Protein backbone atom coordinates (compact mmCIF):
# COMPACT_ATOMS: atom_id res chain seq x y z
CA MET A 1 -19.18 -81.81 153.33
CA ILE A 2 -17.58 -80.23 150.28
CA LYS A 3 -15.36 -82.18 147.89
CA VAL A 4 -13.24 -79.90 145.73
CA SER A 5 -10.50 -82.12 144.31
CA ALA A 6 -12.00 -81.99 140.78
CA VAL A 7 -13.35 -78.43 141.06
CA ALA A 8 -11.37 -75.65 139.38
CA PRO A 9 -9.95 -73.16 141.92
CA GLU A 10 -11.96 -70.28 140.40
CA ARG A 11 -15.13 -72.19 141.36
CA HIS A 12 -14.21 -72.75 145.02
CA VAL A 13 -16.30 -69.74 146.05
CA ILE A 14 -19.79 -69.31 144.60
CA GLU A 15 -22.19 -66.61 145.77
CA ALA A 16 -25.54 -66.60 144.01
CA PRO A 17 -29.31 -66.73 144.52
CA ALA A 18 -30.85 -70.04 145.55
CA ARG A 19 -33.13 -72.10 143.35
CA ILE A 20 -35.04 -74.49 145.63
CA PHE A 21 -36.14 -77.98 144.59
CA HIS A 22 -37.44 -81.02 146.48
CA ASP A 23 -36.13 -83.67 144.07
CA GLN A 24 -33.60 -84.08 141.30
CA ASP A 25 -36.23 -84.67 138.61
CA SER A 26 -37.56 -81.15 139.22
CA VAL A 27 -34.07 -79.73 138.63
CA LYS A 28 -33.79 -81.59 135.33
CA ALA A 29 -37.28 -80.46 134.28
CA ALA A 30 -36.41 -76.81 135.03
CA PHE A 31 -33.25 -77.20 132.95
CA LYS A 32 -35.22 -78.63 130.01
CA ARG A 33 -37.64 -75.68 130.23
CA GLY A 34 -34.67 -73.28 129.96
CA GLU A 35 -35.17 -71.77 133.43
CA PHE A 36 -31.48 -71.54 134.34
CA THR A 37 -30.30 -68.29 132.79
CA SER A 38 -28.19 -66.76 135.55
CA ASP A 39 -25.78 -67.75 138.30
CA CYS A 40 -27.44 -69.86 140.99
CA VAL A 41 -27.04 -72.25 143.86
CA VAL A 42 -29.28 -75.23 143.18
CA VAL A 43 -30.68 -76.49 146.48
CA VAL A 44 -32.18 -79.99 146.51
CA ARG A 45 -33.66 -80.45 149.95
CA PHE A 46 -35.67 -83.24 151.59
CA GLN A 47 -33.17 -85.82 150.31
CA GLY A 48 -31.67 -86.79 153.68
CA PRO A 49 -31.94 -90.14 155.45
CA GLN A 50 -35.33 -89.44 157.08
CA ALA A 51 -36.94 -87.71 154.12
CA ASN A 52 -35.86 -89.89 151.24
CA GLY A 53 -33.22 -92.36 152.37
CA MET A 54 -30.37 -90.31 150.82
CA PRO A 55 -30.67 -91.30 147.16
CA GLU A 56 -27.68 -90.82 144.86
CA LEU A 57 -27.84 -87.34 143.27
CA HIS A 58 -24.85 -87.73 140.94
CA SER A 59 -27.13 -87.60 137.86
CA LEU A 60 -27.39 -83.82 138.45
CA THR A 61 -23.70 -83.33 137.63
CA PRO A 62 -24.09 -83.38 133.81
CA THR A 63 -26.96 -80.88 133.94
CA LEU A 64 -25.11 -78.49 136.23
CA SER A 65 -21.90 -78.94 134.20
CA VAL A 66 -23.74 -77.72 131.09
CA LEU A 67 -24.67 -74.55 132.98
CA GLN A 68 -21.00 -74.03 133.88
CA GLU A 69 -20.01 -74.54 130.26
CA ARG A 70 -22.49 -71.77 129.36
CA GLY A 71 -20.50 -69.44 131.62
CA LEU A 72 -22.75 -69.51 134.67
CA LYS A 73 -21.48 -69.79 138.22
CA VAL A 74 -23.38 -72.69 139.74
CA ALA A 75 -23.19 -74.88 142.83
CA LEU A 76 -25.26 -77.64 144.41
CA VAL A 77 -26.36 -77.71 148.05
CA THR A 78 -28.27 -80.69 149.43
CA ASP A 79 -29.02 -82.73 152.52
CA GLY A 80 -28.66 -85.73 150.21
CA ARG A 81 -25.57 -87.49 148.94
CA MET A 82 -23.42 -87.78 145.85
CA SER A 83 -20.85 -90.37 144.94
CA GLY A 84 -17.16 -89.61 145.18
CA ALA A 85 -17.16 -88.81 141.47
CA SER A 86 -19.11 -85.60 141.98
CA GLY A 87 -17.23 -83.88 139.18
CA LYS A 88 -16.39 -80.28 138.49
CA VAL A 89 -19.46 -78.66 140.08
CA PRO A 90 -18.94 -77.36 143.64
CA ALA A 91 -21.32 -79.25 145.90
CA ALA A 92 -22.09 -79.06 149.60
CA ILE A 93 -23.68 -82.39 150.46
CA HIS A 94 -25.00 -84.10 153.61
CA VAL A 95 -26.14 -80.73 155.05
CA SER A 96 -27.27 -81.61 158.55
CA PRO A 97 -29.63 -81.50 160.28
CA GLU A 98 -31.64 -82.37 157.19
CA ALA A 99 -34.64 -80.36 155.98
CA ALA A 100 -37.10 -83.04 157.18
CA SER A 101 -35.81 -82.43 160.72
CA GLY A 102 -36.25 -78.67 160.43
CA GLY A 103 -32.63 -78.11 159.42
CA PRO A 104 -31.32 -74.96 157.73
CA LEU A 105 -32.29 -75.98 154.19
CA ALA A 106 -35.94 -76.01 155.29
CA LYS A 107 -35.67 -72.27 155.99
CA LEU A 108 -34.35 -71.32 152.56
CA ARG A 109 -36.45 -69.45 150.02
CA ASP A 110 -35.98 -69.06 146.27
CA GLY A 111 -33.77 -66.05 145.72
CA ASP A 112 -31.92 -66.15 149.04
CA VAL A 113 -28.27 -65.43 148.33
CA ILE A 114 -26.04 -68.31 149.38
CA ARG A 115 -22.26 -68.22 149.65
CA LEU A 116 -20.52 -71.57 149.31
CA ASP A 117 -16.85 -71.14 150.18
CA ALA A 118 -15.01 -74.41 149.71
CA THR A 119 -11.70 -72.81 150.65
CA ALA A 120 -12.98 -71.81 154.10
CA GLY A 121 -15.35 -74.79 154.35
CA THR A 122 -18.39 -72.59 154.94
CA LEU A 123 -21.93 -72.37 153.68
CA THR A 124 -23.64 -69.06 154.47
CA VAL A 125 -27.13 -67.74 153.79
CA LEU A 126 -27.02 -63.97 153.30
CA ALA A 127 -30.57 -63.23 154.42
CA PRO A 128 -30.94 -61.02 157.51
CA ASP A 129 -34.11 -62.77 158.72
CA PHE A 130 -32.87 -66.32 158.10
CA ASP A 131 -32.46 -67.37 161.73
CA SER A 132 -35.98 -66.25 162.65
CA ARG A 133 -37.71 -68.12 159.84
CA THR A 134 -39.96 -71.11 160.45
CA PRO A 135 -38.83 -74.23 158.58
CA VAL A 136 -41.11 -75.39 155.76
CA THR A 137 -42.35 -78.94 155.51
CA ALA A 138 -42.93 -81.05 152.43
CA ASP A 139 -45.31 -83.80 151.45
CA LEU A 140 -42.97 -86.79 151.42
CA THR A 141 -45.58 -89.50 150.84
CA ALA A 142 -44.28 -90.12 147.31
CA ASN A 143 -41.01 -91.33 148.89
CA GLU A 144 -42.83 -94.22 150.56
CA PHE A 145 -43.89 -96.23 147.50
CA GLY A 146 -42.28 -98.03 144.59
CA ILE A 147 -39.22 -100.18 143.99
CA GLY A 148 -39.51 -101.76 147.44
CA ARG A 149 -39.47 -98.44 149.29
CA GLU A 150 -42.37 -99.65 151.43
CA LEU A 151 -39.96 -102.11 153.06
CA PHE A 152 -37.69 -99.31 154.25
CA ALA A 153 -40.31 -96.90 155.64
CA ALA A 154 -39.61 -98.04 159.20
CA PHE A 155 -35.91 -97.34 158.75
CA ARG A 156 -36.57 -93.80 157.48
CA ARG A 157 -38.76 -93.14 160.54
CA HIS A 158 -36.01 -94.22 162.94
CA VAL A 159 -32.82 -93.17 161.17
CA GLY A 160 -30.36 -90.79 162.75
CA PRO A 161 -28.81 -87.75 161.07
CA ALA A 162 -26.29 -87.97 158.22
CA GLU A 163 -23.63 -86.38 160.44
CA THR A 164 -23.61 -89.52 162.62
CA GLY A 165 -23.76 -91.93 159.69
CA GLY A 166 -27.52 -92.13 159.20
CA ALA A 167 -27.66 -95.20 161.45
CA VAL A 168 -31.01 -96.59 162.51
CA VAL A 169 -31.76 -95.68 166.11
CA VAL A 170 -33.83 -98.31 167.90
């Protein structure tokens, strides 16, 4: 899903190397360390319904907007979600199947060139060996504790994919 209503037309197509993260705090930490110095597609994976319950990722918009204001071409790709007010940064959200299910984001590597084309509605990885790669896994135990998350562990284990609404399958 790509929402482009607030995105400037010149940002509807972004082709740049991937920067892979497993949570939004890691993106913000990399920004504070000054690591974003060139065009990139920020990939925040393991944020889907099974992995992390699809937390709101809208707090990344200000950080990524600063990068745009510095003249960088930047986009966000995630198996998580963002509110309808996703702002001026092109974002492909709800990528499904999610990384925790072995989806395409689990095969990405830092530096893979990604083309997000909001005009055509496509997301393409320009790596010749992409299809033959084995998906990576992540330690998701931190997602099970705190702020009542223990109560929802059973739901995360039985939830369906975002593309069908993330409904609990019993």
